[in-house]
N, C-alpha and C. Protein backbone atom coordinates (compact mmCIF):
# COMPACT_ATOMS: atom_id res chain seq x y z
N MET A 1 18.88 72.51 50.10
CA MET A 1 18.40 73.63 49.89
C MET A 1 17.19 73.73 50.89
N SER A 2 16.93 74.43 51.74
CA SER A 2 15.77 74.40 53.30
C SER A 2 14.83 74.95 52.30
N PRO A 3 13.93 74.37 52.82
CA PRO A 3 12.37 74.77 52.60
C PRO A 3 12.10 76.01 52.86
N PHE A 4 12.63 76.81 54.02
CA PHE A 4 12.30 77.48 54.64
C PHE A 4 13.68 78.87 54.57
N ARG A 5 14.27 78.64 53.07
CA ARG A 5 14.90 80.21 52.90
C ARG A 5 13.75 81.18 52.32
N TRP A 6 14.67 82.64 52.78
CA TRP A 6 13.64 84.02 52.47
C TRP A 6 12.97 83.49 51.34
N ASP A 7 14.19 82.85 49.89
CA ASP A 7 13.77 83.12 48.75
C ASP A 7 12.34 82.37 48.44
N VAL A 8 12.53 80.73 49.18
CA VAL A 8 11.63 79.37 48.75
C VAL A 8 9.91 80.59 49.30
N LEU A 9 10.22 81.12 50.84
CA LEU A 9 9.45 81.21 51.45
C LEU A 9 8.78 82.18 50.57
N LEU A 10 9.30 83.06 50.24
CA LEU A 10 8.36 84.37 49.43
C LEU A 10 7.59 84.02 48.21
N VAL A 11 8.42 83.10 47.58
CA VAL A 11 7.59 82.24 46.29
C VAL A 11 6.74 81.62 46.32
N GLY A 12 6.33 80.76 47.52
CA GLY A 12 5.62 79.94 48.34
C GLY A 12 4.57 81.23 48.43
N PHE A 13 4.52 81.88 49.55
CA PHE A 13 3.63 82.82 49.76
C PHE A 13 2.93 83.40 47.78
N VAL A 14 3.64 83.78 47.04
CA VAL A 14 3.44 84.61 46.22
C VAL A 14 2.28 83.60 45.14
N LEU A 15 2.60 81.97 45.74
CA LEU A 15 1.66 80.92 44.40
C LEU A 15 0.41 81.11 45.59
N ALA A 16 0.49 81.11 46.86
CA ALA A 16 -0.33 80.80 47.64
C ALA A 16 -1.38 81.98 47.83
N LEU A 17 -0.97 83.07 47.01
CA LEU A 17 -2.17 84.14 47.07
C LEU A 17 -2.92 83.60 46.32
N PRO A 18 -3.29 83.04 45.09
CA PRO A 18 -4.47 82.83 44.73
C PRO A 18 -5.59 81.95 45.45
N VAL A 19 -4.93 80.87 45.94
CA VAL A 19 -4.95 79.83 47.14
C VAL A 19 -6.37 80.98 48.49
N LEU A 20 -5.68 81.75 48.75
CA LEU A 20 -6.21 82.24 50.02
C LEU A 20 -7.12 83.92 49.50
N ALA A 21 -6.83 83.99 48.35
CA ALA A 21 -8.38 84.75 47.16
C ALA A 21 -9.33 83.99 47.66
N LEU A 22 -8.98 82.76 46.76
CA LEU A 22 -10.19 81.73 46.69
C LEU A 22 -11.11 81.30 47.82
N GLY A 23 -10.17 81.27 48.95
CA GLY A 23 -10.67 80.79 50.35
C GLY A 23 -11.66 82.21 51.02
N MET A 24 -11.13 83.49 50.68
CA MET A 24 -11.74 84.51 51.05
C MET A 24 -13.08 84.68 50.53
N ARG A 25 -13.15 84.69 49.07
CA ARG A 25 -14.35 84.77 48.46
C ARG A 25 -15.24 83.47 48.85
N GLY A 26 -14.85 82.59 49.11
CA GLY A 26 -15.94 81.87 49.37
C GLY A 26 -15.63 80.29 48.61
N ASP A 27 -15.03 80.49 47.54
CA ASP A 27 -14.61 78.96 46.81
C ASP A 27 -14.25 78.36 47.65
N PHE A 28 -13.61 78.15 48.16
CA PHE A 28 -12.78 76.94 48.98
C PHE A 28 -13.15 77.06 50.64
N THR A 29 -13.23 75.87 51.26
CA THR A 29 -14.10 75.93 52.58
C THR A 29 -12.38 75.95 53.11
N THR A 30 -12.08 76.61 54.48
CA THR A 30 -11.17 76.68 55.06
C THR A 30 -10.27 75.26 55.17
N GLU A 31 -10.95 74.13 55.17
CA GLU A 31 -10.16 72.87 55.47
C GLU A 31 -9.32 72.84 53.85
N GLU A 32 -9.64 73.12 52.48
CA GLU A 32 -9.53 73.33 51.46
C GLU A 32 -8.19 73.71 51.29
N MET A 33 -8.69 75.12 51.72
CA MET A 33 -7.59 76.43 51.85
C MET A 33 -6.58 75.98 51.89
N VAL A 34 -5.99 75.37 53.23
CA VAL A 34 -4.93 74.61 54.38
C VAL A 34 -4.84 73.28 54.10
N SER A 35 -5.22 72.60 53.39
CA SER A 35 -4.63 71.69 52.89
C SER A 35 -3.64 71.84 51.36
N ARG A 36 -4.32 73.25 50.73
CA ARG A 36 -3.47 73.90 49.48
C ARG A 36 -2.02 74.73 49.99
N LEU A 37 -2.30 74.96 50.86
CA LEU A 37 -1.04 75.70 51.59
C LEU A 37 0.21 75.10 51.37
N PRO A 38 0.75 73.96 52.11
CA PRO A 38 2.23 73.19 51.83
C PRO A 38 2.10 72.87 50.22
N TRP A 39 1.04 72.68 49.52
CA TRP A 39 1.35 72.58 48.22
C TRP A 39 2.19 73.95 47.94
N CYS A 40 1.64 74.98 48.12
CA CYS A 40 2.38 76.25 47.32
C CYS A 40 3.63 76.17 47.86
N LEU A 41 4.04 76.00 49.01
CA LEU A 41 5.35 76.05 49.77
C LEU A 41 6.03 74.81 48.81
N LEU A 42 5.50 73.60 48.56
CA LEU A 42 6.11 72.75 47.95
C LEU A 42 6.57 73.39 46.24
N ALA A 43 5.89 73.87 45.52
CA ALA A 43 5.54 74.07 44.52
C ALA A 43 7.06 75.51 44.40
N GLY A 44 6.94 76.39 44.84
CA GLY A 44 7.56 77.45 45.46
C GLY A 44 8.96 76.50 46.01
N TRP A 45 9.37 76.10 46.33
CA TRP A 45 10.50 74.88 46.73
C TRP A 45 10.88 74.45 45.30
N GLY A 46 10.22 74.05 44.51
CA GLY A 46 10.60 73.41 42.77
C GLY A 46 11.22 74.50 42.26
N ALA A 47 10.30 75.37 42.41
CA ALA A 47 10.81 76.83 41.41
C ALA A 47 11.51 77.31 41.65
N VAL A 48 12.24 77.24 43.03
CA VAL A 48 13.57 78.28 43.25
C VAL A 48 14.44 77.48 43.00
N ALA A 49 14.62 75.83 43.36
CA ALA A 49 15.89 74.85 42.87
C ALA A 49 16.28 74.68 41.43
N LEU A 50 14.73 74.57 40.77
CA LEU A 50 14.96 74.63 38.94
C LEU A 50 15.92 76.09 38.78
N VAL A 51 15.33 77.64 39.18
CA VAL A 51 16.27 78.73 38.75
C VAL A 51 17.58 78.39 39.11
N ARG A 52 17.60 78.16 40.50
CA ARG A 52 19.08 78.12 40.77
C ARG A 52 20.06 77.01 40.33
N ALA A 53 19.41 75.84 39.81
CA ALA A 53 19.92 74.73 38.81
C ALA A 53 20.65 75.05 37.53
N VAL A 54 19.80 75.98 36.89
CA VAL A 54 19.44 76.65 35.58
C VAL A 54 20.93 77.99 35.50
N PHE A 55 20.80 78.91 36.40
CA PHE A 55 21.65 79.98 36.25
C PHE A 55 22.69 79.60 37.12
N THR A 56 23.18 78.96 37.91
CA THR A 56 24.49 78.60 38.78
C THR A 56 25.33 78.23 37.58
N PRO A 57 26.18 79.21 37.66
CA PRO A 57 27.56 79.09 36.71
C PRO A 57 28.23 77.75 37.31
N PRO A 58 28.81 77.11 36.12
CA PRO A 58 29.47 75.90 35.98
C PRO A 58 30.90 75.77 37.43
N LYS A 59 31.00 75.33 37.87
CA LYS A 59 32.65 75.13 38.71
C LYS A 59 33.69 75.33 37.74
N PRO A 60 34.64 76.33 37.67
CA PRO A 60 35.87 76.07 36.93
C PRO A 60 36.50 74.78 37.17
N VAL A 61 37.13 74.40 36.38
CA VAL A 61 37.86 73.11 35.76
C VAL A 61 38.90 73.68 36.27
N PRO A 62 39.50 72.34 37.64
CA PRO A 62 41.08 72.73 38.44
C PRO A 62 41.76 72.14 36.81
N GLN A 63 43.09 73.40 37.24
CA GLN A 63 44.03 73.53 36.31
C GLN A 63 45.23 72.32 37.10
N PRO A 64 45.80 71.82 36.23
CA PRO A 64 46.50 70.49 36.70
C PRO A 64 48.39 70.99 37.41
N LYS A 65 48.78 70.94 38.57
CA LYS A 65 49.53 71.57 39.04
C LYS A 65 50.42 71.16 38.72
N ARG A 66 51.64 72.26 38.63
CA ARG A 66 53.14 71.83 37.42
C ARG A 66 53.98 72.28 38.45
N ARG A 67 54.99 71.15 38.47
CA ARG A 67 56.19 71.12 39.01
C ARG A 67 56.59 72.51 38.84
N PRO A 68 57.81 73.27 40.10
CA PRO A 68 58.38 74.09 39.62
C PRO A 68 59.64 74.07 38.55
N ALA A 69 59.67 75.09 38.12
CA ALA A 69 61.13 74.72 37.04
C ALA A 69 61.85 74.67 38.08
N ALA A 70 63.11 73.87 37.56
CA ALA A 70 64.24 73.40 38.07
C ALA A 70 65.53 74.48 37.80
N ARG A 71 65.66 74.96 38.87
CA ARG A 71 66.67 76.03 39.11
C ARG A 71 67.86 75.52 38.03
N PRO A 72 68.35 77.06 37.77
CA PRO A 72 69.50 76.61 36.12
C PRO A 72 70.40 76.48 37.03
N VAL A 73 71.36 75.62 36.68
CA VAL A 73 72.71 75.05 37.68
C VAL A 73 73.38 76.15 36.79
N ASP A 74 74.49 76.80 37.50
CA ASP A 74 75.83 77.87 36.91
C ASP A 74 76.84 77.06 36.33
N VAL A 75 77.27 77.38 35.34
CA VAL A 75 78.29 76.65 34.54
C VAL A 75 79.58 77.14 35.22
N ASP A 76 79.66 77.69 36.05
CA ASP A 76 80.80 78.43 36.57
C ASP A 76 81.26 77.43 38.31
N GLU A 77 80.10 76.83 38.79
CA GLU A 77 80.24 76.43 39.84
C GLU A 77 80.44 75.22 39.39
N ASP A 78 79.86 74.54 38.43
CA ASP A 78 80.43 73.07 37.62
C ASP A 78 81.80 72.89 37.46
N GLU A 79 82.98 74.25 36.68
CA GLU A 79 84.00 74.22 36.31
C GLU A 79 84.86 74.12 37.75
N GLU A 80 84.26 75.20 38.80
CA GLU A 80 85.34 75.31 39.64
C GLU A 80 84.99 73.46 40.74
N ARG A 81 84.26 73.00 40.63
CA ARG A 81 83.71 71.78 41.35
C ARG A 81 84.79 70.85 40.34
N ASP A 82 84.51 70.99 39.41
CA ASP A 82 85.83 69.69 38.31
C ASP A 82 86.79 70.07 38.66
N ALA A 83 87.71 71.54 38.61
CA ALA A 83 88.38 72.02 38.65
C ALA A 83 89.99 71.82 40.00
N ALA A 84 88.86 71.63 40.93
CA ALA A 84 89.42 70.98 42.61
C ALA A 84 89.27 69.66 42.65
């Protein structure tokens, strides 16, 4: 799964909002804020991967292939062949 899918980016952005808010408020320096943003993307990727793994339905079990039923032999054909 690509880390640049729209759902991963969206979850990563949502997880980055508190980091951005703390940076804007002055609690984080620009270096600290920028160094924490990739971790938000990684956490978004992990969260989406976990949700997809849990909610993906299992693959159906393949059914064994059956041979087609043999064509019934017509009794009249056998009798005509024996009589000839």
